[in-house]
PDB file of N, CA and C in Angstrom:
ATOM      1  N   MET A   1      24.197   7.774   5.831  1.00  0.00           N
ATOM      2  CA  MET A   1      24.157   6.703   6.798  1.00  0.00           C
ATOM      3  C   MET A   1      22.919   6.895   7.695  1.00  0.00           C
ATOM      4  N   PRO A   2      22.209   5.819   7.940  1.00  0.00           N
ATOM      5  CA  PRO A   2      20.977   5.926   8.732  1.00  0.00           C
ATOM      6  C   PRO A   2      21.251   6.019  10.238  1.00  0.00           C
ATOM      7  N   MET A   3      20.246   6.545  10.935  1.00  0.00           N
ATOM      8  CA  MET A   3      20.278   6.604  12.397  1.00  0.00           C
ATOM      9  C   MET A   3      19.520   5.401  12.932  1.00  0.00           C
ATOM     10  N   TYR A   4      20.096   4.727  13.910  1.00  0.00           N
ATOM     11  CA  TYR A   4      19.447   3.584  14.551  1.00  0.00           C
ATOM     12  C   TYR A   4      19.205   3.915  16.009  1.00  0.00           C
ATOM     13  N   GLN A   5      18.068   3.445  16.529  1.00  0.00           N
ATOM     14  CA  GLN A   5      17.743   3.663  17.926  1.00  0.00           C
ATOM     15  C   GLN A   5      17.987   2.359  18.695  1.00  0.00           C
ATOM     16  N   TYR A   6      18.614   2.489  19.863  1.00  0.00           N
ATOM     17  CA  TYR A   6      18.909   1.348  20.723  1.00  0.00           C
ATOM     18  C   TYR A   6      18.295   1.582  22.101  1.00  0.00           C
ATOM     19  N   ARG A   7      17.899   0.488  22.761  1.00  0.00           N
ATOM     20  CA  ARG A   7      17.367   0.554  24.124  1.00  0.00           C
ATOM     21  C   ARG A   7      18.347  -0.123  25.064  1.00  0.00           C
ATOM     22  N   ARG A   8      18.695   0.608  26.145  1.00  0.00           N
ATOM     23  CA  ARG A   8      19.598   0.063  27.162  1.00  0.00           C
ATOM     24  C   ARG A   8      18.830  -0.843  28.109  1.00  0.00           C
ATOM     25  N   GLU A   9      19.552  -1.577  28.961  1.00  0.00           N
ATOM     26  CA  GLU A   9      18.946  -2.464  29.951  1.00  0.00           C
ATOM     27  C   GLU A   9      18.024  -1.721  30.913  1.00  0.00           C
ATOM     28  N   ASP A  10      18.361  -0.460  31.217  1.00  0.00           N
ATOM     29  CA  ASP A  10      17.552   0.309  32.165  1.00  0.00           C
ATOM     30  C   ASP A  10      16.318   0.951  31.514  1.00  0.00           C
ATOM     31  N   GLY A  11      16.125   0.733  30.205  1.00  0.00           N
ATOM     32  CA  GLY A  11      14.939   1.236  29.507  1.00  0.00           C
ATOM     33  C   GLY A  11      15.149   2.539  28.764  1.00  0.00           C
ATOM     34  N   THR A  12      16.256   3.225  28.994  1.00  0.00           N
ATOM     35  CA  THR A  12      16.523   4.466  28.261  1.00  0.00           C
ATOM     36  C   THR A  12      16.967   4.136  26.837  1.00  0.00           C
ATOM     37  N   THR A  13      16.809   5.087  25.946  1.00  0.00           N
ATOM     38  CA  THR A  13      17.172   4.870  24.537  1.00  0.00           C
ATOM     39  C   THR A  13      18.182   5.922  24.088  1.00  0.00           C
ATOM     40  N   PHE A  14      18.876   5.595  23.024  1.00  0.00           N
ATOM     41  CA  PHE A  14      19.795   6.534  22.388  1.00  0.00           C
ATOM     42  C   PHE A  14      19.843   6.202  20.895  1.00  0.00           C
ATOM     43  N   GLU A  15      20.288   7.182  20.120  1.00  0.00           N
ATOM     44  CA  GLU A  15      20.424   6.994  18.673  1.00  0.00           C
ATOM     45  C   GLU A  15      21.889   7.084  18.294  1.00  0.00           C
ATOM     46  N   ILE A  16      22.245   6.335  17.263  1.00  0.00           N
ATOM     47  CA  ILE A  16      23.614   6.359  16.763  1.00  0.00           C
ATOM     48  C   ILE A  16      23.572   6.180  15.245  1.00  0.00           C
ATOM     49  N   ARG A  17      24.449   6.894  14.567  1.00  0.00           N
ATOM     50  CA  ARG A  17      24.532   6.805  13.107  1.00  0.00           C
ATOM     51  C   ARG A  17      25.493   5.670  12.750  1.00  0.00           C
ATOM     52  N   GLN A  18      24.965   4.703  11.965  1.00  0.00           N
ATOM     53  CA  GLN A  18      25.779   3.560  11.556  1.00  0.00           C
ATOM     54  C   GLN A  18      25.593   3.304  10.073  1.00  0.00           C
ATOM     55  N   SER A  19      26.573   2.695   9.475  1.00  0.00           N
ATOM     56  CA  SER A  19      26.499   2.288   8.083  1.00  0.00           C
ATOM     57  C   SER A  19      25.596   1.055   7.974  1.00  0.00           C
ATOM     58  N   PHE A  20      25.050   0.823   6.798  1.00  0.00           N
ATOM     59  CA  PHE A  20      24.225  -0.363   6.571  1.00  0.00           C
ATOM     60  C   PHE A  20      25.030  -1.645   6.814  1.00  0.00           C
ATOM     61  N   SER A  21      26.301  -1.597   6.509  1.00  0.00           N
ATOM     62  CA  SER A  21      27.126  -2.803   6.622  1.00  0.00           C
ATOM     63  C   SER A  21      27.642  -3.048   8.046  1.00  0.00           C
ATOM     64  N   ASP A  22      27.477  -2.067   8.960  1.00  0.00           N
ATOM     65  CA  ASP A  22      27.930  -2.257  10.345  1.00  0.00           C
ATOM     66  C   ASP A  22      27.041  -3.265  11.065  1.00  0.00           C
ATOM     67  N   ASP A  23      27.657  -4.064  11.941  1.00  0.00           N
ATOM     68  CA  ASP A  23      26.890  -4.986  12.780  1.00  0.00           C
ATOM     69  C   ASP A  23      26.153  -4.189  13.856  1.00  0.00           C
ATOM     70  N   PRO A  24      24.978  -4.671  14.281  1.00  0.00           N
ATOM     71  CA  PRO A  24      24.252  -3.974  15.355  1.00  0.00           C
ATOM     72  C   PRO A  24      25.074  -3.970  16.646  1.00  0.00           C
ATOM     73  N   LEU A  25      24.914  -2.909  17.433  1.00  0.00           N
ATOM     74  CA  LEU A  25      25.621  -2.821  18.711  1.00  0.00           C
ATOM     75  C   LEU A  25      25.033  -3.821  19.693  1.00  0.00           C
ATOM     76  N   THR A  26      25.850  -4.326  20.573  1.00  0.00           N
ATOM     77  CA  THR A  26      25.382  -5.189  21.665  1.00  0.00           C
ATOM     78  C   THR A  26      25.632  -4.518  23.011  1.00  0.00           C
ATOM     79  N   VAL A  27      26.561  -3.533  23.019  1.00  0.00           N
ATOM     80  CA  VAL A  27      26.916  -2.812  24.244  1.00  0.00           C
ATOM     81  C   VAL A  27      26.951  -1.316  23.925  1.00  0.00           C
ATOM     82  N   ASP A  28      26.393  -0.504  24.833  1.00  0.00           N
ATOM     83  CA  ASP A  28      26.429   0.954  24.673  1.00  0.00           C
ATOM     84  C   ASP A  28      27.868   1.433  24.822  1.00  0.00           C
ATOM     85  N   PRO A  29      28.398   2.151  23.822  1.00  0.00           N
ATOM     86  CA  PRO A  29      29.798   2.592  23.906  1.00  0.00           C
ATOM     87  C   PRO A  29      30.054   3.573  25.049  1.00  0.00           C
ATOM     88  N   GLN A  30      29.026   4.291  25.529  1.00  0.00           N
ATOM     89  CA  GLN A  30      29.221   5.281  26.594  1.00  0.00           C
ATOM     90  C   GLN A  30      29.085   4.674  27.990  1.00  0.00           C
ATOM     91  N   THR A  31      28.076   3.796  28.182  1.00  0.00           N
ATOM     92  CA  THR A  31      27.795   3.295  29.539  1.00  0.00           C
ATOM     93  C   THR A  31      28.219   1.852  29.756  1.00  0.00           C
ATOM     94  N   GLY A  32      28.410   1.093  28.700  1.00  0.00           N
ATOM     95  CA  GLY A  32      28.792  -0.298  28.828  1.00  0.00           C
ATOM     96  C   GLY A  32      27.616  -1.236  29.070  1.00  0.00           C
ATOM     97  N   GLN A  33      26.374  -0.703  29.089  1.00  0.00           N
ATOM     98  CA  GLN A  33      25.186  -1.537  29.290  1.00  0.00           C
ATOM     99  C   GLN A  33      24.874  -2.314  28.015  1.00  0.00           C
ATOM    100  N   ARG A  34      24.215  -3.460  28.188  1.00  0.00           N
ATOM    101  CA  ARG A  34      23.766  -4.239  27.024  1.00  0.00           C
ATOM    102  C   ARG A  34      22.630  -3.470  26.352  1.00  0.00           C
ATOM    103  N   VAL A  35      22.578  -3.544  25.018  1.00  0.00           N
ATOM    104  CA  VAL A  35      21.549  -2.822  24.267  1.00  0.00           C
ATOM    105  C   VAL A  35      20.932  -3.733  23.214  1.00  0.00           C
ATOM    106  N   VAL A  36      19.718  -3.377  22.793  1.00  0.00           N
ATOM    107  CA  VAL A  36      19.047  -4.028  21.663  1.00  0.00           C
ATOM    108  C   VAL A  36      18.553  -2.948  20.725  1.00  0.00           C
ATOM    109  N   ARG A  37      18.577  -3.252  19.439  1.00  0.00           N
ATOM    110  CA  ARG A  37      18.125  -2.289  18.439  1.00  0.00           C
ATOM    111  C   ARG A  37      16.601  -2.237  18.451  1.00  0.00           C
ATOM    112  N   VAL A  38      16.055  -1.029  18.410  1.00  0.00           N
ATOM    113  CA  VAL A  38      14.612  -0.820  18.373  1.00  0.00           C
ATOM    114  C   VAL A  38      14.191  -0.742  16.909  1.00  0.00           C
ATOM    115  N   VAL A  39      13.278  -1.621  16.517  1.00  0.00           N
ATOM    116  CA  VAL A  39      12.795  -1.628  15.140  1.00  0.00           C
ATOM    117  C   VAL A  39      11.664  -0.618  15.025  1.00  0.00           C
ATOM    118  N   GLN A  40      11.770   0.277  14.054  1.00  0.00           N
ATOM    119  CA  GLN A  40      10.771   1.322  13.856  1.00  0.00           C
ATOM    120  C   GLN A  40      10.186   1.226  12.463  1.00  0.00           C
ATOM    121  N   ALA A  41       8.977   1.757  12.317  1.00  0.00           N
ATOM    122  CA  ALA A  41       8.335   1.798  11.005  1.00  0.00           C
ATOM    123  C   ALA A  41       9.076   2.788  10.107  1.00  0.00           C
ATOM    124  N   ALA A  42       9.055   2.505   8.821  1.00  0.00           N
ATOM    125  CA  ALA A  42       9.714   3.391   7.864  1.00  0.00           C
ATOM    126  C   ALA A  42       8.958   4.711   7.783  1.00  0.00           C
ATOM    127  N   GLY A  43       9.672   5.780   7.631  1.00  0.00           N
ATOM    128  CA  GLY A  43       9.071   7.109   7.561  1.00  0.00           C
ATOM    129  C   GLY A  43       8.707   7.488   6.146  1.00  0.00           C
ATOM    130  N   VAL A  44       7.755   6.783   5.553  1.00  0.00           N
ATOM    131  CA  VAL A  44       7.349   7.053   4.183  1.00  0.00           C
ATOM    132  C   VAL A  44       5.931   7.609   4.191  1.00  0.00           C
ATOM    133  N   ILE A  45       5.731   8.726   3.505  1.00  0.00           N
ATOM    134  CA  ILE A  45       4.394   9.316   3.390  1.00  0.00           C
ATOM    135  C   ILE A  45       4.087   9.452   1.910  1.00  0.00           C
ATOM    136  N   PHE A  46       2.976   8.846   1.473  1.00  0.00           N
ATOM    137  CA  PHE A  46       2.554   8.957   0.081  1.00  0.00           C
ATOM    138  C   PHE A  46       1.582  10.112  -0.032  1.00  0.00           C
ATOM    139  N   LYS A  47       1.889  11.068  -0.889  1.00  0.00           N
ATOM    140  CA  LYS A  47       1.017  12.226  -1.073  1.00  0.00           C
ATOM    141  C   LYS A  47       0.558  12.284  -2.515  1.00  0.00           C
ATOM    142  N   GLY A  48      -0.612  12.821  -2.715  1.00  0.00           N
ATOM    143  CA  GLY A  48      -1.134  12.999  -4.056  1.00  0.00           C
ATOM    144  C   GLY A  48      -2.084  11.892  -4.449  1.00  0.00           C
ATOM    145  N   SER A  49      -2.674  12.032  -5.609  1.00  0.00           N
ATOM    146  CA  SER A  49      -3.630  11.025  -6.068  1.00  0.00           C
ATOM    147  C   SER A  49      -2.888   9.808  -6.596  1.00  0.00           C
ATOM    148  N   GLY A  50      -3.540   8.666  -6.550  1.00  0.00           N
ATOM    149  CA  GLY A  50      -2.951   7.455  -7.085  1.00  0.00           C
ATOM    150  C   GLY A  50      -2.218   6.613  -6.075  1.00  0.00           C
ATOM    151  N   PHE A  51      -2.176   7.040  -4.823  1.00  0.00           N
ATOM    152  CA  PHE A  51      -1.457   6.277  -3.822  1.00  0.00           C
ATOM    153  C   PHE A  51      -2.388   5.609  -2.821  1.00  0.00           C
ATOM    154  N   TYR A  52      -3.658   5.563  -3.132  1.00  0.00           N
ATOM    155  CA  TYR A  52      -4.610   4.958  -2.220  1.00  0.00           C
ATOM    156  C   TYR A  52      -4.801   3.501  -2.574  1.00  0.00           C
ATOM    157  N   ILE A  53      -5.099   2.672  -1.588  1.00  0.00           N
ATOM    158  CA  ILE A  53      -5.197   1.230  -1.791  1.00  0.00           C
ATOM    159  C   ILE A  53      -6.308   0.885  -2.787  1.00  0.00           C
ATOM    160  N   ASN A  54      -7.382   1.653  -2.786  1.00  0.00           N
ATOM    161  CA  ASN A  54      -8.491   1.324  -3.685  1.00  0.00           C
ATOM    162  C   ASN A  54      -8.230   1.771  -5.128  1.00  0.00           C
ATOM    163  N   ASP A  55      -7.179   2.522  -5.377  1.00  0.00           N
ATOM    164  CA  ASP A  55      -6.865   2.936  -6.745  1.00  0.00           C
ATOM    165  C   ASP A  55      -6.352   1.779  -7.590  1.00  0.00           C
ATOM    166  N   SER A  56      -5.701   0.808  -6.990  1.00  0.00           N
ATOM    167  CA  SER A  56      -5.111  -0.262  -7.780  1.00  0.00           C
ATOM    168  C   SER A  56      -5.890  -1.571  -7.692  1.00  0.00           C
ATOM    169  N   LYS A  57      -6.824  -1.693  -6.763  1.00  0.00           N
ATOM    170  CA  LYS A  57      -7.532  -2.959  -6.613  1.00  0.00           C
ATOM    171  C   LYS A  57      -8.365  -3.302  -7.842  1.00  0.00           C
ATOM    172  N   ASN A  58      -9.109  -2.337  -8.377  1.00  0.00           N
ATOM    173  CA  ASN A  58      -9.969  -2.615  -9.527  1.00  0.00           C
ATOM    174  C   ASN A  58      -9.151  -3.044 -10.739  1.00  0.00           C
ATOM    175  N   ALA A  59      -8.033  -2.391 -10.954  1.00  0.00           N
ATOM    176  CA  ALA A  59      -7.199  -2.731 -12.101  1.00  0.00           C
ATOM    177  C   ALA A  59      -6.633  -4.144 -11.961  1.00  0.00           C
ATOM    178  N   SER A  60      -6.233  -4.520 -10.762  1.00  0.00           N
ATOM    179  CA  SER A  60      -5.651  -5.846 -10.584  1.00  0.00           C
ATOM    180  C   SER A  60      -6.721  -6.925 -10.697  1.00  0.00           C
ATOM    181  N   LYS A  61      -7.933  -6.656 -10.194  1.00  0.00           N
ATOM    182  CA  LYS A  61      -9.013  -7.633 -10.321  1.00  0.00           C
ATOM    183  C   LYS A  61      -9.408  -7.809 -11.775  1.00  0.00           C
ATOM    184  N   ALA A  62      -9.478  -6.712 -12.512  1.00  0.00           N
ATOM    185  CA  ALA A  62      -9.876  -6.781 -13.917  1.00  0.00           C
ATOM    186  C   ALA A  62      -8.841  -7.536 -14.731  1.00  0.00           C
ATOM    187  N   SER A  63      -7.563  -7.294 -14.455  1.00  0.00           N
ATOM    188  CA  SER A  63      -6.532  -7.990 -15.216  1.00  0.00           C
ATOM    189  C   SER A  63      -6.505  -9.473 -14.865  1.00  0.00           C
ATOM    190  N   ALA A  64      -6.849  -9.818 -13.634  1.00  0.00           N
ATOM    191  CA  ALA A  64      -6.884 -11.219 -13.235  1.00  0.00           C
ATOM    192  C   ALA A  64      -8.014 -11.961 -13.946  1.00  0.00           C
ATOM    193  N   ASN A  65      -9.092 -11.250 -14.230  1.00  0.00           N
ATOM    194  CA  ASN A  65     -10.226 -11.855 -14.930  1.00  0.00           C
ATOM    195  C   ASN A  65     -10.061 -11.804 -16.440  1.00  0.00           C
ATOM    196  N   GLY A  66      -9.016 -11.135 -16.913  1.00  0.00           N
ATOM    197  CA  GLY A  66      -8.787 -11.021 -18.351  1.00  0.00           C
ATOM    198  C   GLY A  66      -9.627  -9.938 -19.001  1.00  0.00           C
ATOM    199  N   VAL A  67     -10.179  -9.035 -18.213  1.00  0.00           N
ATOM    200  CA  VAL A  67     -11.012  -7.961 -18.736  1.00  0.00           C
ATOM    201  C   VAL A  67     -10.303  -6.648 -18.465  1.00  0.00           C
ATOM    202  N   SER A  68     -10.201  -5.823 -19.479  1.00  0.00           N
ATOM    203  CA  SER A  68      -9.580  -4.528 -19.272  1.00  0.00           C
ATOM    204  C   SER A  68     -10.669  -3.481 -19.087  1.00  0.00           C
ATOM    205  N   LYS A  69     -10.267  -2.275 -18.700  1.00  0.00           N
ATOM    206  CA  LYS A  69     -11.243  -1.203 -18.509  1.00  0.00           C
ATOM    207  C   LYS A  69     -11.907  -0.828 -19.831  1.00  0.00           C
ATOM    208  N   LYS A  70     -11.169  -0.946 -20.951  1.00  0.00           N
ATOM    209  CA  LYS A  70     -11.753  -0.652 -22.261  1.00  0.00           C
ATOM    210  C   LYS A  70     -12.894  -1.617 -22.555  1.00  0.00           C
ATOM    211  N   ASP A  71     -12.684  -2.910 -22.256  1.00  0.00           N
ATOM    212  CA  ASP A  71     -13.716  -3.906 -22.509  1.00  0.00           C
ATOM    213  C   ASP A  71     -14.947  -3.633 -21.655  1.00  0.00           C
ATOM    214  N   ASP A  72     -14.751  -3.216 -20.394  1.00  0.00           N
ATOM    215  CA  ASP A  72     -15.872  -2.896 -19.514  1.00  0.00           C
ATOM    216  C   ASP A  72     -16.666  -1.718 -20.060  1.00  0.00           C
ATOM    217  N   ALA A  73     -15.960  -0.699 -20.559  1.00  0.00           N
ATOM    218  CA  ALA A  73     -16.630   0.493 -21.060  1.00  0.00           C
ATOM    219  C   ALA A  73     -17.449   0.167 -22.311  1.00  0.00           C
ATOM    220  N   LYS A  74     -16.952  -0.734 -23.157  1.00  0.00           N
ATOM    221  CA  LYS A  74     -17.685  -1.111 -24.365  1.00  0.00           C
ATOM    222  C   LYS A  74     -18.895  -1.966 -24.033  1.00  0.00           C
ATOM    223  N   ALA A  75     -18.774  -2.816 -23.024  1.00  0.00           N
ATOM    224  CA  ALA A  75     -19.849  -3.747 -22.687  1.00  0.00           C
ATOM    225  C   ALA A  75     -21.017  -3.045 -22.001  1.00  0.00           C
ATOM    226  N   GLU A  76     -20.779  -2.023 -21.183  1.00  0.00           N
ATOM    227  CA  GLU A  76     -21.846  -1.369 -20.436  1.00  0.00           C
ATOM    228  C   GLU A  76     -22.873  -0.692 -21.333  1.00  0.00           C
ATOM    229  N   PRO A  77     -22.494   0.128 -22.328  1.00  0.00           N
ATOM    230  CA  PRO A  77     -23.514   0.756 -23.179  1.00  0.00           C
ATOM    231  C   PRO A  77     -24.312  -0.275 -23.985  1.00  0.00           C
ATOM    232  N   ALA A  78     -23.670  -1.340 -24.418  1.00  0.00           N
ATOM    233  CA  ALA A  78     -24.371  -2.356 -25.199  1.00  0.00           C
ATOM    234  C   ALA A  78     -25.402  -3.063 -24.331  1.00  0.00           C
ATOM    235  N   ALA A  79     -25.052  -3.349 -23.084  1.00  0.00           N
ATOM    236  CA  ALA A  79     -25.986  -4.003 -22.170  1.00  0.00           C
ATOM    237  C   ALA A  79     -27.150  -3.080 -21.852  1.00  0.00           C
ATOM    238  N   ALA A  80     -26.887  -1.807 -21.698  1.00  0.00           N
ATOM    239  CA  ALA A  80     -27.953  -0.850 -21.398  1.00  0.00           C
ATOM    240  C   ALA A  80     -28.903  -0.730 -22.584  1.00  0.00           C
ATOM    241  N   ALA A  81     -28.387  -0.752 -23.812  1.00  0.00           N
ATOM    242  CA  ALA A  81     -29.230  -0.649 -24.997  1.00  0.00           C
ATOM    243  C   ALA A  81     -30.110  -1.890 -25.146  1.00  0.00           C
ATOM    244  N   GLN A  82     -29.563  -3.069 -24.835  1.00  0.00           N
ATOM    245  CA  GLN A  82     -30.338  -4.303 -24.948  1.00  0.00           C
ATOM    246  C   GLN A  82     -31.448  -4.354 -23.914  1.00  0.00           C
ATOM    247  N   SER A  83     -31.187  -3.895 -22.703  1.00  0.00           N
ATOM    248  CA  SER A  83     -32.212  -3.939 -21.675  1.00  0.00           C
ATOM    249  C   SER A  83     -33.285  -2.890 -21.929  1.00  0.00           C
ATOM    250  N   ALA A  84     -32.955  -1.796 -22.594  1.00  0.00           N
ATOM    251  CA  ALA A  84     -33.939  -0.748 -22.880  1.00  0.00           C
ATOM    252  C   ALA A  84     -34.841  -1.154 -24.038  1.00  0.00           C
ATOM    253  N   ALA A  85     -34.353  -1.903 -24.994  1.00  0.00           N
ATOM    254  CA  ALA A  85     -35.131  -2.266 -26.173  1.00  0.00           C
ATOM    255  C   ALA A  85     -36.353  -3.120 -25.831  1.00  0.00           C
ATOM    256  N   PRO A  86     -36.277  -4.179 -25.018  1.00  0.00           N
ATOM    257  CA  PRO A  86     -37.470  -4.952 -24.708  1.00  0.00           C
ATOM    258  C   PRO A  86     -38.511  -4.141 -23.952  1.00  0.00           C
ATOM    259  N   ALA A  87     -38.083  -3.219 -23.123  1.00  0.00           N
ATOM    260  CA  ALA A  87     -39.055  -2.418 -22.369  1.00  0.00           C
ATOM    261  C   ALA A  87     -39.850  -1.533 -23.313  1.00  0.00           C
ATOM    262  N   MET A  88     -39.213  -1.032 -24.343  1.00  0.00           N
ATOM    263  CA  MET A  88     -39.899  -0.162 -25.290  1.00  0.00           C
ATOM    264  C   MET A  88     -40.888  -0.974 -26.131  1.00  0.00           C
ATOM    265  N   SER A  89     -40.520  -2.174 -26.528  1.00  0.00           N
ATOM    266  CA  SER A  89     -41.411  -2.972 -27.380  1.00  0.00           C
ATOM    267  C   SER A  89     -42.601  -3.481 -26.587  1.00  0.00           C
ATOM    268  N   SER A  90     -42.444  -3.765 -25.285  1.00  0.00           N
ATOM    269  CA  SER A  90     -43.576  -4.249 -24.495  1.00  0.00           C
ATOM    270  C   SER A  90     -44.577  -3.119 -24.247  1.00  0.00           C
ATOM    271  N   SER A  91     -44.109  -1.877 -24.099  1.00  0.00           N
ATOM    272  CA  SER A  91     -45.027  -0.776 -23.888  1.00  0.00           C
ATOM    273  C   SER A  91     -45.742  -0.413 -25.194  1.00  0.00           C
ATOM    274  N   ALA A  92     -45.096  -0.658 -26.318  1.00  0.00           N
ATOM    275  CA  ALA A  92     -45.721  -0.380 -27.613  1.00  0.00           C
ATOM    276  C   ALA A  92     -46.810  -1.406 -27.896  1.00  0.00           C
ATOM    277  N   ALA A  93     -46.677  -2.620 -27.361  1.00  0.00           N
ATOM    278  CA  ALA A  93     -47.665  -3.660 -27.578  1.00  0.00           C
ATOM    279  C   ALA A  93     -48.946  -3.388 -26.802  1.00  0.00           C
ATOM    280  N   ASP A  94     -48.915  -2.608 -25.753  1.00  0.00           N
ATOM    281  CA  ASP A  94     -50.115  -2.313 -24.963  1.00  0.00           C
ATOM    282  C   ASP A  94     -50.968  -1.376 -25.689  1.00  0.00           C
TER     283      ASP A  94
END
């Protein structure tokens, strides 16, 4: 069961363990003051490689364009060979 944090009318806070199915408290059971639940960020920490935002962007962009990483790898050497060939023939003509 998770712990929830509540803020009293006077600004003090307290934590209470409640089930997911329990309704949020509206009154502090100890003091009788009105309370509101404090929303907190989830305590998730991603460790290790592969959890960085830039790790998945390239793959998603490539798949959106219909190009896979294999296709990119095949196209780069062919383009480099084509651009090198004219430079060699022009220097041979001099």
